Protein backbone atom coordinates (compact mmCIF):
# COMPACT_ATOMS: atom_id res chain seq x y z
CA MET A 1 74.86 88.07 95.56
CA SER A 2 75.96 89.28 98.96
CA HIS A 3 77.69 87.94 102.00
CA SER A 4 75.61 87.19 105.07
CA SER A 5 76.87 90.33 106.80
CA GLY A 6 75.38 92.47 104.09
CA ASN A 7 78.61 94.37 103.55
CA ARG A 8 79.94 92.56 100.54
CA ARG A 9 78.54 92.69 97.04
CA ARG A 10 79.62 90.46 94.21
CA SER A 11 78.81 90.28 90.54
CA LYS A 12 77.61 87.19 88.76
CA GLY A 13 79.33 85.63 85.81
CA GLY A 14 82.12 83.36 84.79
CA SER A 15 84.51 86.16 83.92
CA PHE A 16 86.87 88.03 86.19
CA ARG A 17 84.39 88.98 88.90
CA ILE A 18 86.52 91.17 91.14
CA HIS A 19 84.40 93.02 93.67
CA ASP A 20 84.60 96.80 93.69
CA ILE A 21 84.96 97.42 97.40
CA GLU A 22 83.64 100.78 98.53
CA ARG A 23 86.42 103.29 98.68
CA GLN A 24 86.78 104.96 102.03
CA ASP A 25 89.17 107.31 103.77
CA GLU A 26 92.42 105.71 104.82
CA ARG A 27 93.16 105.37 108.48
CA ASN A 28 96.06 104.07 110.50
CA GLU A 29 96.05 100.42 111.46
CA ALA A 30 94.87 99.33 114.88
CA GLU A 31 97.31 99.31 117.74
CA ASP A 32 97.46 95.53 117.76
CA GLY A 33 98.94 95.52 114.30
CA GLY A 34 95.78 94.08 112.75
CA PRO A 35 93.95 95.33 109.68
CA PRO A 36 92.63 98.89 109.57
CA VAL A 37 89.51 99.49 111.63
CA LEU A 38 86.59 101.77 110.83
CA GLY A 39 86.24 104.71 113.18
CA SER A 40 83.39 107.01 114.00
CA SER A 41 84.72 110.08 112.21
CA SER A 42 86.29 108.56 109.14
CA SER A 43 86.51 105.27 107.33
CA MET A 44 89.39 103.29 105.98
CA LYS A 45 90.30 102.81 102.37
CA ILE A 46 90.75 99.25 101.19
CA ARG A 47 93.64 99.04 98.80
CA GLU A 48 93.00 97.18 95.60
CA PRO A 49 94.67 96.94 92.19
CA PRO A 50 94.07 99.89 89.87
CA LYS A 51 91.00 99.91 87.65
CA TRP A 52 93.02 99.70 84.46
CA PHE A 53 94.30 96.30 85.62
CA PHE A 54 90.75 94.99 85.98
CA ARG A 55 89.72 96.26 82.56
CA SER A 56 92.83 94.86 80.89
CA TRP A 57 92.49 91.51 82.61
CA ARG A 58 88.84 91.12 81.64
CA ILE A 59 89.79 91.72 78.02
CA ILE A 60 92.67 89.24 78.21
CA PHE A 61 90.54 86.59 79.88
CA GLY A 62 87.63 87.08 77.47
CA VAL A 63 89.92 86.74 74.46
CA SER A 64 91.54 83.63 75.96
CA CYS A 65 88.11 82.02 76.40
CA VAL A 66 87.29 82.59 72.74
CA ILE A 67 90.69 81.27 71.65
CA ALA A 68 90.27 78.19 73.86
CA VAL A 69 86.93 77.31 72.31
CA ALA A 70 88.42 77.62 68.84
CA LEU A 71 91.58 75.78 69.94
CA ASP A 72 90.17 72.60 71.51
CA PRO A 73 88.89 71.15 68.19
CA LEU A 74 92.47 71.25 66.84
CA PHE A 75 93.27 68.17 68.97
CA PHE A 76 90.83 66.15 66.88
CA TYR A 77 92.96 66.85 63.80
CA VAL A 78 96.10 65.35 65.41
CA PRO A 79 95.39 61.69 64.44
CA VAL A 80 96.20 60.82 60.82
CA ILE A 81 95.32 57.63 58.89
CA ASN A 82 97.98 55.77 56.92
CA GLU A 83 95.95 53.79 54.38
CA ASP A 84 98.95 51.91 53.06
CA LYS A 85 99.95 50.51 56.45
CA LYS A 86 96.42 50.57 57.86
CA CYS A 87 97.51 52.40 60.99
CA ILE A 88 96.99 55.64 62.93
CA GLY A 89 99.77 58.21 63.02
CA ILE A 90 100.24 61.51 64.80
CA ASP A 91 100.72 64.99 63.35
CA LYS A 92 103.50 65.94 65.77
CA LYS A 93 103.74 69.56 64.63
CA LEU A 94 100.03 70.18 65.13
CA ARG A 95 100.15 68.35 68.45
CA ALA A 96 102.95 70.61 69.73
CA ILE A 97 101.20 73.78 68.63
CA SER A 98 97.88 72.66 70.15
CA LEU A 99 99.50 71.70 73.44
CA ILE A 100 101.33 75.02 73.77
CA LEU A 101 98.28 77.15 72.96
CA ARG A 102 96.01 75.09 75.19
CA SER A 103 98.53 75.32 78.04
CA VAL A 104 98.61 79.11 77.70
CA THR A 105 94.82 79.36 77.95
CA ASP A 106 94.81 76.97 80.92
CA ILE A 107 97.43 79.07 82.69
CA ILE A 108 95.31 82.17 82.15
CA GLY A 109 92.33 80.26 83.60
CA ILE A 110 94.36 79.23 86.66
CA ILE A 111 95.51 82.83 87.18
CA ASN A 112 91.91 83.95 86.97
CA ILE A 113 90.90 81.47 89.68
CA ILE A 114 93.77 82.62 91.92
CA LEU A 115 92.75 86.27 91.46
CA GLN A 116 89.21 85.37 92.41
CA PHE A 117 90.40 84.09 95.79
CA HIS A 118 93.04 86.76 96.26
CA ASP A 119 91.14 89.99 95.55
CA GLU A 120 87.51 89.11 95.41
CA TYR A 121 87.03 88.09 98.98
CA THR A 122 87.76 91.12 101.08
CA TYR A 123 84.97 92.69 103.11
CA ILE A 124 84.41 94.79 106.23
CA ASP A 125 83.08 93.05 109.33
CA GLU A 126 80.03 94.97 110.46
CA THR A 127 80.60 94.08 114.11
CA SER A 128 84.30 94.78 114.53
CA GLY A 129 84.73 97.20 111.63
CA LYS A 130 87.88 95.38 110.49
CA VAL A 131 88.96 94.17 107.09
CA VAL A 132 88.34 90.43 107.00
CA LYS A 133 89.72 87.77 104.64
CA ASP A 134 88.04 84.57 105.77
CA PHE A 135 88.39 82.21 102.84
CA ARG A 136 86.43 79.41 104.51
CA LYS A 137 83.35 81.57 104.87
CA ILE A 138 83.56 83.98 101.97
CA ALA A 139 84.83 81.59 99.28
CA LYS A 140 81.52 79.73 99.42
CA THR A 141 80.03 82.44 97.24
CA TYR A 142 82.55 81.64 94.50
CA LEU A 143 82.81 77.86 94.89
CA TRP A 144 79.34 77.36 93.43
CA PRO A 145 78.85 77.55 90.56
CA TYR A 146 81.66 79.72 89.17
CA PHE A 147 84.60 77.83 90.64
CA VAL A 148 83.18 74.52 89.38
CA ILE A 149 82.78 75.95 85.89
CA ASP A 150 86.30 77.38 85.89
CA ILE A 151 87.74 74.03 87.04
CA LEU A 152 85.82 72.05 84.41
CA VAL A 153 87.11 74.41 81.76
CA ILE A 154 90.80 73.96 82.59
CA LEU A 155 90.67 70.15 82.99
CA PRO A 156 93.01 68.69 80.30
CA PHE A 157 90.48 66.39 78.63
CA PRO A 158 91.77 66.94 75.08
CA GLN A 159 95.41 66.42 76.06
CA VAL A 160 94.74 63.24 78.03
CA ILE A 161 92.17 61.64 75.76
CA ILE A 162 93.49 62.50 72.32
CA LEU A 163 97.21 62.26 72.98
CA ILE A 164 97.50 59.53 75.65
CA ILE A 165 94.47 57.32 76.08
CA PHE A 166 93.64 57.26 72.36
CA ARG A 167 97.01 55.71 71.56
CA GLN A 168 97.03 53.20 74.43
CA LEU A 169 93.63 51.62 73.89
CA GLU A 170 93.80 48.28 72.16
CA GLY A 171 91.24 45.76 70.96
CA SER A 172 87.63 46.15 69.94
CA LYS A 173 86.52 46.65 73.54
CA SER A 174 88.37 49.92 73.62
CA LEU A 175 85.99 51.43 71.09
CA ASN A 176 83.21 51.93 73.64
CA LYS A 177 85.65 53.50 76.10
CA ARG A 178 86.93 55.75 73.36
CA LYS A 179 83.40 56.91 72.57
CA LEU A 180 82.77 57.67 76.23
CA LEU A 181 85.95 59.67 76.52
CA THR A 182 85.09 61.56 73.33
CA PHE A 183 81.78 62.44 74.94
CA PHE A 184 83.68 64.05 77.84
CA VAL A 185 85.56 66.23 75.37
CA LEU A 186 82.26 67.32 73.86
CA PHE A 187 80.80 67.86 77.32
CA GLN A 188 83.61 70.29 78.18
CA TYR A 189 82.17 72.69 75.63
CA VAL A 190 79.17 73.35 77.89
CA PRO A 191 81.17 75.17 80.60
CA ARG A 192 83.26 76.72 77.82
CA VAL A 193 80.21 78.32 76.24
CA ILE A 194 78.88 79.40 79.65
CA GLN A 195 82.21 80.98 80.49
CA ILE A 196 82.34 82.88 77.17
CA PHE A 197 78.79 84.07 77.60
CA GLN A 198 79.47 85.32 81.13
CA SER A 199 82.79 86.94 80.20
CA TRP A 200 80.98 88.78 77.40
CA LYS A 201 77.99 89.69 79.51
CA ASP A 202 79.62 90.65 82.82
CA PRO A 203 81.82 93.58 81.62
CA LYS A 204 78.82 95.07 79.90
CA LYS A 205 76.94 95.11 83.20
CA ARG A 206 79.92 96.71 84.95
CA VAL A 207 80.03 99.60 82.54
CA ASP A 208 76.39 100.47 82.85
CA LYS A 209 73.66 98.25 84.19
CA SER A 210 71.04 100.12 82.22
CA SER A 211 72.96 100.15 78.94
CA GLU A 212 71.83 98.09 75.98
CA THR A 213 74.21 95.86 74.09
CA PRO A 214 74.99 97.45 70.71
CA LYS A 215 73.47 95.63 67.74
CA ARG A 216 76.87 95.24 66.14
CA VAL A 217 78.16 93.42 69.21
CA LYS A 218 75.15 91.11 69.22
CA ALA A 219 75.53 90.43 65.51
CA ALA A 220 79.24 89.69 65.97
CA PHE A 221 78.50 87.32 68.85
CA ASN A 222 75.82 85.49 66.86
CA PHE A 223 78.17 85.18 63.90
CA PHE A 224 80.89 83.86 66.21
CA LEU A 225 78.55 81.17 67.55
CA TYR A 226 77.69 80.11 64.03
CA ILE A 227 81.34 79.94 62.91
CA ILE A 228 82.63 78.17 66.03
CA SER A 229 79.79 75.64 65.86
CA SER A 230 80.70 74.79 62.26
CA HIS A 231 84.34 74.49 63.29
CA VAL A 232 83.55 72.11 66.19
CA LEU A 233 81.20 69.93 64.11
CA GLY A 234 83.76 69.69 61.31
CA ALA A 235 86.50 68.63 63.75
CA PHE A 236 84.27 65.99 65.33
CA TRP A 237 83.33 64.73 61.87
CA TYR A 238 87.05 64.32 61.08
CA PHE A 239 87.80 62.54 64.34
CA LEU A 240 84.74 60.28 64.22
CA SER A 241 85.60 59.35 60.62
CA ILE A 242 88.95 58.00 61.83
CA GLU A 243 87.24 56.28 64.74
CA ARG A 244 84.71 54.70 62.37
CA GLU A 245 87.42 53.32 60.08
CA THR A 246 89.44 51.92 63.00
CA ALA A 247 86.22 50.31 64.28
CA CYS A 248 85.94 48.53 60.95
CA TRP A 249 89.56 47.39 61.26
CA HIS A 250 88.99 45.95 64.74
CA ARG A 251 85.88 44.12 63.65
CA ALA A 252 87.65 42.64 60.61
CA CYS A 253 90.55 41.49 62.79
CA GLU A 254 88.20 39.57 65.06
CA ILE A 255 86.81 37.43 62.23
CA HIS A 256 89.93 37.12 60.09
CA THR A 257 92.40 34.39 60.91
CA GLY A 258 96.02 35.38 60.99
CA CYS A 259 95.26 38.99 61.95
CA ILE A 260 97.34 40.21 64.85
CA GLU A 261 95.01 42.44 66.92
CA SER A 262 96.80 45.57 68.00
CA SER A 263 96.19 49.24 68.68
CA PHE A 264 96.78 50.00 64.98
CA LYS A 265 99.48 52.50 65.87
CA CYS A 266 101.97 53.20 63.12
CA ASP A 267 104.91 53.09 65.56
CA ASP A 268 103.81 49.77 67.10
CA ARG A 269 106.24 46.95 66.29
CA LEU A 270 103.52 44.36 66.74
CA HIS A 271 101.42 46.06 64.11
CA SER A 272 104.30 46.12 61.63
CA LEU A 273 104.56 42.31 61.81
CA GLY A 274 101.03 41.72 60.54
CA ASN A 275 99.53 41.66 57.04
CA TYR A 276 96.48 43.90 56.77
CA THR A 277 95.87 44.02 53.02
CA PHE A 278 92.61 42.11 53.56
CA LEU A 279 91.20 45.27 55.17
CA ASN A 280 90.85 46.82 51.72
CA ASP A 281 88.23 44.18 50.93
CA VAL A 282 86.55 44.05 54.33
CA CYS A 283 86.47 47.85 54.79
CA PRO A 284 86.09 49.15 51.21
CA ILE A 285 86.13 52.92 50.86
CA ASN A 286 86.50 53.71 47.20
CA PRO A 287 84.23 52.33 45.93
CA PRO A 288 82.24 51.67 49.11
CA ASP A 289 80.28 48.52 49.80
CA LYS A 290 77.48 48.99 52.30
CA THR A 291 76.90 45.24 52.53
CA ARG A 292 80.34 44.79 54.02
CA PHE A 293 80.57 48.00 56.11
CA ASP A 294 78.47 51.16 55.94
CA PHE A 295 80.50 54.23 56.80
CA GLY A 296 77.43 56.49 56.52
CA ILE A 297 78.10 60.22 56.85
CA PHE A 298 81.83 59.59 57.40
CA LEU A 299 82.42 58.16 53.94
CA GLY A 300 83.06 61.60 52.46
CA ALA A 301 85.99 62.26 54.83
CA LEU A 302 87.54 58.88 54.02
CA GLN A 303 87.10 59.22 50.25
CA SER A 304 88.41 62.80 50.13
CA GLY A 305 91.66 61.75 51.77
CA VAL A 306 91.60 64.51 54.42
CA VAL A 307 92.07 61.91 57.17
CA GLN A 308 95.36 60.92 55.53
CA SER A 309 96.70 64.47 55.00
CA LYS A 310 99.02 66.34 57.31
CA ASN A 311 98.29 69.58 55.49
CA PHE A 312 96.34 71.34 58.24
CA SER A 313 94.79 74.09 56.11
CA GLU A 314 93.55 71.50 53.59
CA LYS A 315 91.73 69.28 56.09
CA PHE A 316 90.63 72.19 58.30
CA PHE A 317 88.77 74.08 55.55
CA HIS A 318 87.31 70.86 54.11
CA CYS A 319 85.90 69.85 57.51
CA PHE A 320 84.83 73.40 58.32
CA TRP A 321 82.90 73.58 55.06
CA TRP A 322 81.23 70.24 55.84
CA GLY A 323 80.17 71.49 59.27
CA LEU A 324 78.97 74.85 57.93
CA GLN A 325 76.99 73.21 55.11
CA ASN A 326 75.20 70.67 57.29
CA LEU A 327 74.60 73.12 60.15
CA SER A 328 72.95 75.51 57.71
CA SER A 329 70.74 72.75 56.24
CA LEU A 330 69.99 71.31 59.72
CA GLY A 331 71.56 68.01 58.60
CA GLN A 332 68.80 67.28 56.06
CA ASN A 333 71.23 65.96 53.42
CA LEU A 334 72.98 63.51 55.74
CA GLU A 335 72.61 59.83 54.82
CA THR A 336 73.39 57.90 57.96
CA SER A 337 74.01 54.21 58.51
CA ASN A 338 72.41 52.08 61.19
CA TYR A 339 75.21 52.94 63.57
CA VAL A 340 73.60 54.42 66.71
CA TRP A 341 76.33 56.91 67.59
CA GLU A 342 76.38 58.14 64.02
CA LYS A 343 72.65 58.80 64.17
CA CYS A 344 73.13 60.58 67.50
CA PHE A 345 75.77 62.78 65.89
CA ALA A 346 73.41 63.58 62.98
CA VAL A 347 70.59 64.34 65.43
CA LEU A 348 72.96 66.61 67.35
CA ILE A 349 73.74 68.52 64.16
CA SER A 350 70.04 68.96 63.39
CA LEU A 351 69.12 70.00 66.93
CA PHE A 352 72.05 72.36 67.28
CA GLY A 353 71.34 73.95 63.92
CA LEU A 354 67.70 74.35 64.90
CA LEU A 355 68.73 75.78 68.27
CA LEU A 356 71.01 78.32 66.63
CA PHE A 357 68.31 79.23 64.14
CA THR A 358 65.78 79.67 66.94
CA TYR A 359 68.31 81.71 68.91
CA PHE A 360 69.00 83.96 65.94
CA ILE A 361 65.30 84.39 65.17
CA GLY A 362 64.60 85.11 68.83
CA ASN A 363 67.32 87.74 68.94
CA LEU A 364 66.04 89.21 65.69
CA GLN A 365 62.49 89.39 67.02
CA LEU A 366 63.72 90.79 70.31
CA ASP A 367 65.77 93.45 68.55
CA SER A 368 62.85 94.18 66.24
CA SER A 369 60.50 94.43 69.22
CA LYS A 370 62.94 96.71 71.04
CA SER A 371 63.36 98.80 67.91
CA GLU A 372 59.59 99.10 67.51
CA GLU A 373 59.23 99.91 71.19
CA ALA A 374 62.02 102.48 71.00
CA LYS A 375 60.47 103.92 67.84
CA LYS A 376 57.09 104.05 69.54
CA LYS A 377 58.61 105.76 72.58
CA ARG A 378 60.39 108.25 70.32
CA GLU A 379 57.15 108.95 68.49
CA GLU A 380 55.27 109.31 71.77
CA LYS A 381 58.03 111.55 73.08
CA GLU A 382 57.94 113.62 69.90
CA GLU A 383 54.15 113.82 70.04
CA SER A 384 54.33 114.78 73.70
CA LYS A 385 57.01 117.34 72.90
CA LYS A 386 54.94 118.74 70.04
CA ALA A 387 51.87 118.86 72.29
CA GLU A 388 53.91 120.62 74.99
CA GLU A 389 55.33 123.04 72.43
CA LYS A 390 51.85 123.65 71.05
CA GLU A 391 50.48 124.20 74.54
CA ALA A 392 53.40 126.48 75.41
CA ARG A 393 52.97 128.36 72.14
CA LYS A 394 49.25 128.71 72.82
CA LYS A 395 49.93 129.95 76.35
CA ARG A 396 52.56 132.32 75.01
CA GLU A 397 50.17 133.61 72.35
CA ASP A 398 47.37 133.95 74.91
CA LYS A 399 49.74 135.76 77.24
CA GLU A 400 50.87 138.07 74.43
CA LYS A 401 47.26 138.75 73.47
CA ARG A 402 46.35 139.37 77.08
CA MET A 403 49.35 141.65 77.52
CA GLU A 404 48.47 143.44 74.31
CA MET A 405 44.91 143.91 75.51
CA GLU A 406 46.15 145.09 78.89
CA MET A 407 48.55 147.48 77.15
CA LYS A 408 45.72 148.84 75.06
CA GLU A 409 43.53 149.14 78.12
CA LYS A 410 46.29 150.89 80.07
CA LYS A 411 46.97 153.16 77.15
CA ARG A 412 43.28 153.98 76.77
CA THR A 413 43.00 154.66 80.52
CA ILE A 414 46.04 156.97 80.41
CA GLU A 415 44.62 158.79 77.39
CA ILE A 416 41.32 159.31 79.21
CA TRP A 417 43.21 160.56 82.26
CA MET A 418 45.20 163.04 80.15
CA PHE A 419 42.05 164.17 78.34
CA LYS A 420 40.29 164.69 81.66
CA TYR A 421 42.98 167.13 82.82
CA ARG A 422 43.26 168.77 79.39
CA LEU A 423 46.99 168.29 79.11
CA PRO A 424 48.71 169.90 76.11
CA GLY A 425 49.77 167.75 73.13
CA GLU A 426 53.55 167.76 73.78
CA MET A 427 53.03 166.86 77.41
CA LYS A 428 50.68 164.03 76.37
CA ARG A 429 53.31 162.68 73.98
CA GLN A 430 56.02 162.69 76.69
CA ILE A 431 53.73 161.06 79.25
CA MET A 432 52.66 158.32 76.81
CA GLN A 433 56.25 157.71 75.70
CA ASN A 434 57.44 157.25 79.29
CA ALA A 435 54.40 155.16 80.20
CA MET A 436 55.04 152.78 77.26
CA GLN A 437 58.66 152.34 78.27
CA ILE A 438 57.60 151.44 81.80
CA LEU A 439 54.93 149.06 80.48
CA LYS A 440 57.46 147.21 78.33
CA LYS A 441 59.59 146.52 81.40
CA ASN A 442 56.71 145.63 83.67
CA LYS A 443 53.11 146.26 82.85
CA SER A 444 52.11 146.15 86.52
CA LEU A 445 54.15 149.27 87.31
CA VAL A 446 51.87 151.74 85.57
CA HIS A 447 48.75 152.72 87.48
CA VAL A 448 46.73 155.73 86.61
CA GLU A 449 46.19 156.41 90.30
CA ASN A 450 49.90 157.05 90.86
CA LEU A 451 51.07 157.75 87.32
CA LEU A 452 52.74 160.99 88.34
CA ARG A 453 55.02 159.17 90.79
CA GLN A 454 56.41 156.96 88.03
CA LEU A 455 57.17 159.77 85.59
CA PRO A 456 60.53 161.57 85.55
CA GLU A 457 60.70 164.33 88.16
CA GLY A 458 60.79 167.21 85.67
CA LEU A 459 57.84 165.90 83.66
CA SER A 460 55.91 165.05 86.83
CA ASN A 461 56.35 168.61 88.18
CA SER A 462 55.23 170.09 84.87
CA VAL A 463 52.05 167.99 84.95
CA LYS A 464 51.38 168.94 88.58
CA ARG A 465 51.77 172.64 87.82
CA HIS A 466 49.44 172.37 84.84
CA ILE A 467 46.76 170.60 86.85
CA TYR A 468 47.05 172.09 90.34
CA LEU A 469 48.41 175.62 90.02
CA ASP A 470 45.05 177.20 89.21
CA LEU A 471 43.44 175.27 92.07
CA LEU A 472 46.08 176.53 94.54
CA LYS A 473 45.46 180.12 93.49
CA LYS A 474 41.81 179.74 94.52
CA VAL A 475 42.77 178.80 98.10
CA PRO A 476 42.26 181.94 100.26
CA ALA A 477 45.29 181.28 102.46
CA LEU A 478 47.57 181.07 99.40
CA GLN A 479 46.19 183.91 97.29
CA ASN A 480 48.74 186.48 98.49
CA MET A 481 51.75 184.22 98.02
CA ASP A 482 54.33 184.64 95.29
CA GLU A 483 53.88 182.41 92.25
CA GLN A 484 57.35 180.88 92.75
CA LEU A 485 56.25 179.65 96.15
CA LEU A 486 53.07 178.23 94.63
CA LEU A 487 55.16 176.39 92.03
CA LYS A 488 57.26 174.84 94.78
CA ILE A 489 54.09 173.81 96.58
CA CYS A 490 52.86 172.22 93.32
CA ASP A 491 56.08 170.25 93.03
CA SER A 492 55.65 168.87 96.58
CA LEU A 493 52.04 167.74 96.06
CA ARG A 494 51.47 164.00 96.36
CA PRO A 495 48.82 162.17 94.32
CA VAL A 496 46.31 160.33 96.49
CA TYR A 497 43.54 157.85 95.75
CA TYR A 498 40.76 156.69 98.07
CA ASN A 499 38.39 153.81 97.51
CA GLU A 500 34.64 154.00 97.70
CA GLN A 501 33.07 154.45 101.16
CA SER A 502 36.38 155.00 102.91
CA TYR A 503 37.27 157.58 105.53
CA ILE A 504 39.78 160.24 104.52
CA VAL A 505 39.84 161.93 107.93
CA ARG A 506 37.69 161.57 111.00
CA GLU A 507 36.42 164.23 113.35
CA ARG A 508 38.92 165.19 116.08
CA ASP A 509 41.81 163.59 114.15
CA PRO A 510 44.94 165.76 113.65
CA VAL A 511 45.00 167.51 110.30
CA ASP A 512 48.41 166.62 108.79
CA ALA A 513 47.49 167.29 105.14
CA THR A 514 45.34 169.44 102.93
CA ILE A 515 43.49 167.33 100.35
CA PHE A 516 42.53 168.82 96.97
CA ILE A 517 39.88 166.80 95.06
CA THR A 518 40.40 166.43 91.32
CA ASP A 519 37.83 163.72 90.62
CA GLY A 520 35.02 162.07 92.57
CA VAL A 521 32.62 163.02 95.36
CA ALA A 522 33.08 163.04 99.17
CA TRP A 523 30.93 164.08 102.12
CA SER A 524 32.01 166.24 105.01
CA TYR A 525 29.96 166.21 108.19
CA SER A 526 30.17 166.78 111.96
CA THR A 527 28.79 164.73 114.82
CA SER A 528 28.34 165.21 118.60
CA ASN A 529 30.68 163.69 121.15
CA ASN A 530 28.41 160.68 121.71
CA GLY A 531 28.14 159.91 118.02
CA GLU A 532 24.69 161.49 117.49
CA ALA A 533 24.08 164.10 114.81
CA ILE A 534 24.25 167.77 115.81
CA SER A 535 20.96 169.61 115.37
CA GLY A 536 20.77 172.59 113.10
CA SER A 537 22.46 173.37 109.81
CA SER A 538 25.71 171.76 110.92
CA SER A 539 23.94 168.40 111.02
CA LEU A 540 23.82 168.35 107.21
CA ALA A 541 26.66 166.72 105.20
CA GLU A 542 28.54 168.99 102.84
CA ARG A 543 29.24 167.73 99.33
CA LEU A 544 32.86 167.96 98.18
CA GLU A 545 33.70 167.41 94.51
CA LYS A 546 36.21 168.31 91.84
CA GLY A 547 37.90 171.68 92.65
CA ASP A 548 37.08 171.52 96.39
CA PHE A 549 39.49 170.92 99.21
CA PHE A 550 39.44 170.24 102.92
CA GLY A 551 42.02 170.58 105.67
CA GLY A 552 42.50 174.31 105.10
CA GLU A 553 43.12 174.64 108.82
CA LEU A 554 46.60 173.25 108.16
CA LEU A 555 47.47 176.11 105.76
CA GLU A 556 46.41 178.77 108.19
CA PHE A 557 48.06 177.02 111.13
CA VAL A 558 51.44 176.63 109.34
CA LEU A 559 51.44 180.22 108.08
CA LYS A 560 50.76 181.49 111.59
CA ASN A 561 53.11 179.07 113.36
CA PRO A 562 55.85 177.81 110.95
CA SER A 563 57.63 175.85 113.69
CA LEU A 564 54.67 173.49 113.66
CA PRO A 565 54.86 172.50 117.34
CA LYS A 566 51.24 171.38 117.19
CA LEU A 567 48.67 170.32 114.60
CA ALA A 568 45.11 171.52 114.21
CA ILE A 569 42.24 169.15 115.01
CA SER A 570 39.71 168.35 112.29
CA PRO A 571 36.24 169.58 113.23
CA ARG A 572 34.56 167.35 110.64
CA THR A 573 34.64 163.84 109.21
CA VAL A 574 35.31 163.37 105.50
CA LYS A 575 34.09 160.16 103.82
CA THR A 576 34.21 159.20 100.16
CA HIS A 577 31.03 158.55 98.23
CA GLY A 578 32.81 156.91 95.34
CA PRO A 579 36.44 156.58 94.30
CA ILE A 580 38.32 159.80 94.91
CA GLU A 581 41.36 161.16 93.07
CA GLY A 582 43.27 164.16 94.30
CA PHE A 583 46.51 165.43 95.71
CA ALA A 584 47.73 166.10 99.21
CA LEU A 585 49.86 168.87 100.62
CA MET A 586 51.53 167.36 103.66
CA ALA A 587 52.12 169.46 106.79
CA GLU A 588 55.84 168.75 106.92
CA ASP A 589 56.31 169.59 103.21
CA LEU A 590 54.42 172.87 103.62
CA LYS A 591 56.48 173.76 106.68
CA ASN A 592 59.78 173.17 104.86
CA ILE A 593 58.70 175.16 101.81
CA VAL A 594 57.43 178.14 103.79
CA THR A 595 60.44 178.19 106.12
CA LYS A 596 62.97 178.13 103.28
CA ASN A 597 61.05 180.61 101.13
CA TRP A 598 59.65 183.08 103.74
CA LYS A 599 60.55 186.05 101.56
CA CYS A 600 57.90 184.89 99.08
CA VAL A 601 55.16 184.99 101.70
CA GLY A 602 52.67 187.86 101.46
CA LYS A 603 53.30 191.07 103.45
CA GLY A 604 50.37 190.47 105.78
CA GLN A 605 51.82 187.12 106.79
CA LEU A 606 55.43 188.22 107.54
CA GLU A 607 54.84 189.02 111.22
CA PRO A 608 54.48 185.38 112.31
CA PHE A 609 57.66 184.53 110.42
CA ALA A 610 59.60 187.39 112.02
CA ALA A 611 58.41 186.34 115.44
CA HIS A 612 59.35 182.77 114.64
CA VAL A 613 62.90 183.83 113.58
CA VAL A 614 63.40 185.96 116.74
CA GLN A 615 62.14 183.15 118.97
CA ALA A 616 64.44 180.66 117.32
CA ALA A 617 67.48 182.98 117.70
CA TRP A 618 66.66 183.70 121.33
CA ARG A 619 66.27 179.96 122.02
CA ARG A 620 69.70 179.22 120.55
CA HIS A 621 71.28 182.11 122.54
CA HIS A 622 69.68 180.92 125.76
CA GLU A 623 70.94 177.37 125.23
CA LYS A 624 74.53 178.61 124.67
CA SER A 625 74.40 180.82 127.79
CA SER A 626 73.15 177.94 129.89
CA GLN A 627 75.96 175.72 128.69
CA GLY A 628 78.59 178.46 129.39
CA GLY A 629 77.27 179.05 132.94
CA ARG A 630 77.80 175.45 133.73
């Protein structure tokens, strides 16, 4: 339920329904001394009692409601019959205890109502942004129906009716009024039960709206309803038994001459002047005489003597047992008289017992249905979980199988690659060992095309020297070089791979690498400037395959001009026929190797290096002289 401004929420229920106002940042009050005002940058904090106070109060109020329901029937045990004097007395001790306990519960109810008005109704005005306490507007949300219920609960019906009006009514006409007033006492149990139900239900919603009430709590509540119902019925049976006997006395007085009609109070002087021994014959109890007066279901209380006893425990447990017995049997063993109100009371017992039974069965079926539903959900969840685990396990197994197959395929490919280059056994073992370690970390890292790049540097150089050294020795430009220089060239070679029908180098492109083919076929050809084939033998494409190389112009150019100020231009186009594997000797790498190791160059090739050294020294000297002249 919310206020019209939309800013205020309230909970429903008869218990302590204190609104949890949204906590906000605290700000200073407005300059006019009014309540704090919401600003644009921060919001105010509405001060309210601590949470522990709310929790404690709800417990106190809930317990007081239960005690009040169990306490009200005690007022019906206050009247006591004096069979010798044929009058009604009062159990003063029980009356005092009942009044004190009932007053305590009423005070708690009044405090609860005050707290509802004091703390519940604080909200923030959406227009002005101020804290507003407008009881005339906001209290409407509490006045109906909760305030009405709380007021009906604390009205002192038992105190007024049982202790005051009951003793002041005189004559047979007062019996109907007494029955009506007794009905009001019974009627007060309706708001009582509603209040208990709400006080039990509301805190549960506050804790967690989605939480289910524990079965033990439900069972305890159902048991409490059963016990309190037996207690109330037993107390009414006791009180109505006294009322039935006094009704017989009043009727006998009307037809008997010499009977002084009074209120039949033991402390009434008028009553003490009369002679009422004739009532033993007119209203016989033991033995009963239905032809004279039929006491019906109240005869047991009169014959047992509980209506005459001031021993509270004795009459309480006797009446409680009567109520429990007849509530359990739905009143089937009750033998009623023709008295209408007695039959109504018996019908009430039957209907209330049936209602409780239906309520218990409904709760049992509801709990059973919820249990079955929860069990079904658990089973479905377990089945779903098992299916997910099975699917995950299947995917994991498929992935492992796929990875295993990929590992085998990679391993087989690497073995073929090593066999193709006729690597020695120890080198094969080291390559495979390193390849497996890389595959375990990430299978996508190992590619045969660039396997050498992923091996350790020492092992990679050893493999390069084994594969490429003999090929380098066949290159005319490198035949006169020292073997140490060739080994360094081997170490600087870079594996290359070209796809099918791709261009490795085009005619008139700069030659920045010498490519040595180790596997596959390529075609080398030359064209005219306008793209047409050149006539003659040069118009034919030259086949390049394993052991061949192209880009030799770079070797000759670097050996003649180590400074590498320019690059040679390719006279031919090289295009792959199928996939090509090989290695490349880059121009910059060759330049660095030759420059640093010029002593290893052949004797016929030293002159360019000497000229290059002299030119470099002269260039440095000239630069220094120019700077000094400035």
